[in-house]
Amino acid sequence: MTCTLRIATLALASATLLAADAAAQRRGLVDVTPPHHRRGFWVEGGLGWGQESFKFASDPYSSSLGKPTFDLQVGGTVNPYLRLGGEWNVWWYDYQNDDGYDVTESLHYVGAVARVYPVTSLGLFAKGGAGLGISSASVDYGDGTSETGFAWNAGVGYEIKVSRTLYITPQAGWYFSSYQKRDDDTLYERLFNLTLNVTFQPGR
C-alpha cells in the first residue's frame, strides 16, 4: 500500500510539473524558440574598427588608416534563409591640419543589404548590397567638401543568441566606392570593417 501511494504521489507530482511547464511556455515565460529562429522585423547596430585606403584612377591604393566605425541596419525577414533591409555604415577620422584647424573626414555607405543564411540551424550568414557612397571632409571655420558615388559591400557574420529577442552579431566586410568629377581622376575608396553589433528581433 505504501509503495502504491509513493508511485501515485510521484506520478501526480510529475504531471503537475509538466502542466506548469506547458503553462509557462504558453505564457512566454520559458524560451522554447530554436537557437536561430529568424522571423519578422529586425534592427541592428554597433561599433567597429575600419581600415580605410584610397587611390586615384589607376594608381595603387594608399596605406590603410584604422579608425572607428558605426553600423546601423534595419529590415525584415523573407524566410529563414534570407533577410533584406537597409544599412548605414560610417567611418570617421578627426585630426588637426597644418593650419591648426580641426578636420573631420568621413566615409559613408547608405544602401540596401541582403543577408543569406545557408543553414537555417546556424547563425552564419553572407551579406552584400549596393547603394550610395559619401566621402566628405569638414573643417572648423571653413568650407567642407563632399562627393557622392556608387558603392557596394560584401561580408560575413554570425548571430549568437542571447535571449529570445537579442543576438550578438560580429561581422567582417568590405565596402567599395567610386567618385567621379568632370576633368578630374576618379577617386576610389575601400574600407575593411570589423564590427560587433547587437541584433533585436521582437517577433516570434
Protein backbone atom coordinates (compact mmCIF):
# COMPACT_ATOMS: atom_id res chain seq x y z
CA MET A 1 0.00 0.00 0.00
CA THR A 2 2.82 2.35 0.93
CA CYS A 3 4.62 1.58 -2.36
CA THR A 4 1.46 2.22 -4.34
CA LEU A 5 0.96 5.55 -2.55
CA ARG A 6 4.51 6.61 -3.33
CA ILE A 7 4.10 5.77 -7.01
CA ALA A 8 0.83 7.69 -7.18
CA THR A 9 2.41 10.68 -5.45
CA LEU A 10 5.36 10.71 -7.90
CA ALA A 11 3.01 10.43 -10.88
CA LEU A 12 0.89 13.32 -9.61
CA ALA A 13 3.98 15.47 -8.99
CA SER A 14 5.33 14.73 -12.47
CA ALA A 15 2.00 15.61 -14.08
CA THR A 16 1.85 18.86 -12.09
CA LEU A 17 5.36 19.85 -13.17
CA LEU A 18 4.63 19.07 -16.81
CA ALA A 19 1.43 21.09 -16.70
CA ALA A 20 3.22 24.03 -15.05
CA ASP A 21 5.97 23.88 -17.67
CA ALA A 22 3.43 23.83 -20.50
CA ALA A 23 1.58 26.78 -18.97
CA ALA A 24 4.84 28.72 -18.63
CA GLN A 25 5.66 28.07 -22.27
CA ARG A 26 2.21 29.31 -23.34
CA ARG A 27 2.73 32.49 -21.33
CA GLY A 28 6.20 33.07 -22.84
CA LEU A 29 8.00 32.58 -19.51
CA VAL A 30 10.23 29.88 -20.97
CA ASP A 31 12.23 30.44 -24.18
CA VAL A 32 11.32 27.50 -26.42
CA THR A 33 12.29 29.10 -29.74
CA PRO A 34 15.12 27.47 -31.73
CA PRO A 35 18.61 28.97 -31.27
CA HIS A 36 18.40 30.66 -34.69
CA HIS A 37 14.73 31.45 -35.17
CA ARG A 38 14.54 34.19 -37.81
CA ARG A 39 11.20 35.90 -38.31
CA GLY A 40 9.70 39.34 -38.91
CA PHE A 41 11.22 42.77 -38.29
CA TRP A 42 14.81 43.19 -37.09
CA VAL A 43 17.06 46.13 -36.21
CA GLU A 44 20.78 46.06 -35.54
CA GLY A 45 23.51 48.50 -34.52
CA GLY A 46 27.05 48.50 -33.22
CA LEU A 47 30.58 49.85 -33.26
CA GLY A 48 33.68 48.61 -35.00
CA TRP A 49 37.08 49.32 -36.47
CA GLY A 50 37.72 50.08 -40.14
CA GLN A 51 40.89 50.14 -42.26
CA GLU A 52 40.42 52.79 -44.99
CA SER A 53 42.54 53.35 -48.10
CA PHE A 54 42.08 55.25 -51.37
CA LYS A 55 43.53 55.81 -54.81
CA PHE A 56 43.06 57.92 -57.93
CA ALA A 57 42.49 56.33 -61.37
CA SER A 58 45.00 53.52 -61.93
CA ASP A 59 47.34 54.46 -59.07
CA PRO A 60 47.97 51.92 -56.29
CA TYR A 61 45.96 52.20 -53.09
CA SER A 62 47.35 54.27 -50.23
CA SER A 63 48.45 52.72 -46.97
CA SER A 64 45.46 51.91 -44.75
CA LEU A 65 44.29 54.09 -41.88
CA GLY A 66 42.49 52.44 -38.96
CA LYS A 67 39.69 54.41 -37.28
CA PRO A 68 36.34 53.70 -35.54
CA THR A 69 33.13 52.86 -37.40
CA PHE A 70 29.40 52.83 -36.66
CA ASP A 71 26.89 50.45 -38.25
CA LEU A 72 23.07 50.51 -38.33
CA GLN A 73 20.84 48.00 -40.18
CA VAL A 74 17.04 47.67 -40.32
CA GLY A 75 14.90 45.23 -42.28
CA GLY A 76 12.54 42.28 -42.49
CA THR A 77 12.80 38.51 -42.80
CA VAL A 78 11.66 36.95 -46.07
CA ASN A 79 12.20 33.38 -44.86
CA PRO A 80 14.69 31.52 -42.59
CA TYR A 81 17.29 31.72 -45.39
CA LEU A 82 17.00 35.42 -46.32
CA ARG A 83 16.79 38.84 -44.68
CA LEU A 84 16.50 42.13 -46.60
CA GLY A 85 16.89 45.69 -45.39
CA GLY A 86 18.88 48.89 -45.42
CA GLU A 87 22.28 49.74 -43.96
CA TRP A 88 24.20 52.84 -42.91
CA ASN A 89 27.90 52.39 -42.20
CA VAL A 90 30.24 55.29 -41.39
CA TRP A 91 34.00 55.55 -40.81
CA TRP A 92 35.42 58.80 -39.44
CA TYR A 93 38.78 60.45 -38.68
CA ASP A 94 39.34 63.58 -36.55
CA TYR A 95 42.62 65.50 -36.68
CA GLN A 96 44.21 68.97 -36.87
CA ASN A 97 45.51 70.25 -40.20
CA ASP A 98 48.71 72.25 -40.75
CA ASP A 99 46.84 75.50 -40.03
CA GLY A 100 45.65 74.25 -36.64
CA TYR A 101 42.00 73.74 -37.64
CA ASP A 102 40.02 70.69 -36.57
CA VAL A 103 39.15 68.44 -39.53
CA THR A 104 36.74 65.51 -39.70
CA GLU A 105 36.93 63.14 -42.64
CA SER A 106 34.22 60.52 -43.07
CA LEU A 107 33.27 57.74 -45.42
CA HIS A 108 29.63 56.59 -45.57
CA TYR A 109 27.74 53.70 -47.13
CA VAL A 110 23.95 54.11 -47.37
CA GLY A 111 22.09 51.43 -49.28
CA ALA A 112 20.44 48.03 -49.46
CA VAL A 113 21.63 44.94 -47.64
CA ALA A 114 20.79 41.26 -48.14
CA ARG A 115 21.75 38.54 -45.67
CA VAL A 116 21.73 34.90 -46.82
CA TYR A 117 21.76 32.06 -44.28
CA PRO A 118 22.85 28.80 -45.98
CA VAL A 119 21.96 26.64 -42.95
CA THR A 120 18.80 27.55 -41.02
CA SER A 121 20.01 25.89 -37.81
CA LEU A 122 23.12 28.14 -37.68
CA GLY A 123 23.60 31.87 -37.28
CA LEU A 124 26.17 32.06 -40.10
CA PHE A 125 25.32 34.41 -42.99
CA ALA A 126 26.83 36.08 -46.03
CA LYS A 127 25.84 39.68 -46.72
CA GLY A 128 26.02 42.07 -49.64
CA GLY A 129 24.42 45.18 -51.06
CA ALA A 130 24.72 48.28 -53.21
CA GLY A 131 23.87 51.92 -52.73
CA LEU A 132 25.35 55.38 -52.25
CA GLY A 133 28.85 56.23 -51.09
CA ILE A 134 29.62 59.61 -49.50
CA SER A 135 33.19 60.83 -48.96
CA SER A 136 33.34 64.11 -47.05
CA ALA A 137 35.62 66.39 -45.05
CA SER A 138 34.53 69.23 -42.77
CA VAL A 139 36.81 71.95 -41.39
CA ASP A 140 36.10 74.25 -38.45
CA TYR A 141 35.53 77.83 -39.65
CA GLY A 142 35.92 76.76 -43.27
CA ASP A 143 34.20 75.20 -46.26
CA GLY A 144 33.91 71.43 -46.30
CA THR A 145 33.89 69.09 -49.27
CA SER A 146 31.64 66.19 -50.13
CA GLU A 147 31.44 63.72 -53.00
CA THR A 148 28.82 61.07 -53.75
CA GLY A 149 29.17 57.98 -55.89
CA PHE A 150 28.28 54.33 -56.37
CA ALA A 151 29.12 51.93 -53.53
CA TRP A 152 28.78 48.23 -52.80
CA ASN A 153 29.72 45.87 -50.00
CA ALA A 154 30.18 42.18 -49.20
CA GLY A 155 30.91 40.33 -45.98
CA VAL A 156 30.10 37.58 -43.48
CA GLY A 157 28.70 37.45 -39.96
CA TYR A 158 27.28 35.22 -37.24
CA GLU A 159 24.26 35.68 -34.96
CA ILE A 160 24.87 34.47 -31.38
CA LYS A 161 21.62 34.10 -29.43
CA VAL A 162 21.47 35.86 -26.03
CA SER A 163 17.71 35.73 -25.46
CA ARG A 164 14.52 35.21 -27.46
CA THR A 165 14.81 38.69 -28.98
CA LEU A 166 18.51 39.60 -28.69
CA TYR A 167 21.58 38.40 -30.59
CA ILE A 168 25.25 39.42 -30.56
CA THR A 169 26.35 39.65 -34.20
CA PRO A 170 30.05 40.02 -35.09
CA GLN A 171 30.66 40.88 -38.75
CA ALA A 172 33.51 41.42 -41.20
CA GLY A 173 33.06 43.15 -44.55
CA TRP A 174 34.48 45.15 -47.44
CA TYR A 175 32.99 48.46 -48.63
CA PHE A 176 33.99 49.86 -52.03
CA SER A 177 33.00 53.21 -53.55
CA SER A 178 33.99 55.37 -56.54
CA TYR A 179 33.60 59.12 -57.12
CA GLN A 180 33.78 60.83 -60.50
CA LYS A 181 34.28 64.52 -61.20
CA ARG A 182 34.49 66.21 -64.59
CA ASP A 183 38.12 66.83 -65.63
CA ASP A 184 39.40 65.02 -62.51
CA ASP A 185 40.65 61.49 -61.96
CA THR A 186 38.16 59.07 -60.41
CA LEU A 187 38.59 58.63 -56.66
CA TYR A 188 38.28 55.08 -55.32
CA GLU A 189 37.75 54.34 -51.62
CA ARG A 190 37.79 50.98 -49.87
CA LEU A 191 37.17 50.01 -46.27
CA PHE A 192 37.72 46.73 -44.46
CA ASN A 193 35.44 46.77 -41.44
CA LEU A 194 35.09 44.63 -38.29
CA THR A 195 32.01 45.32 -36.17
CA LEU A 196 30.35 43.93 -33.07
CA ASN A 197 26.61 44.51 -33.39
CA VAL A 198 23.53 43.84 -31.29
CA THR A 199 20.51 42.49 -33.21
CA PHE A 200 16.98 42.95 -31.87
CA GLN A 201 14.21 40.73 -33.30
CA PRO A 202 10.91 41.41 -31.49
CA GLY A 203 8.77 38.87 -33.41
CA ARG A 204 8.48 35.19 -32.54
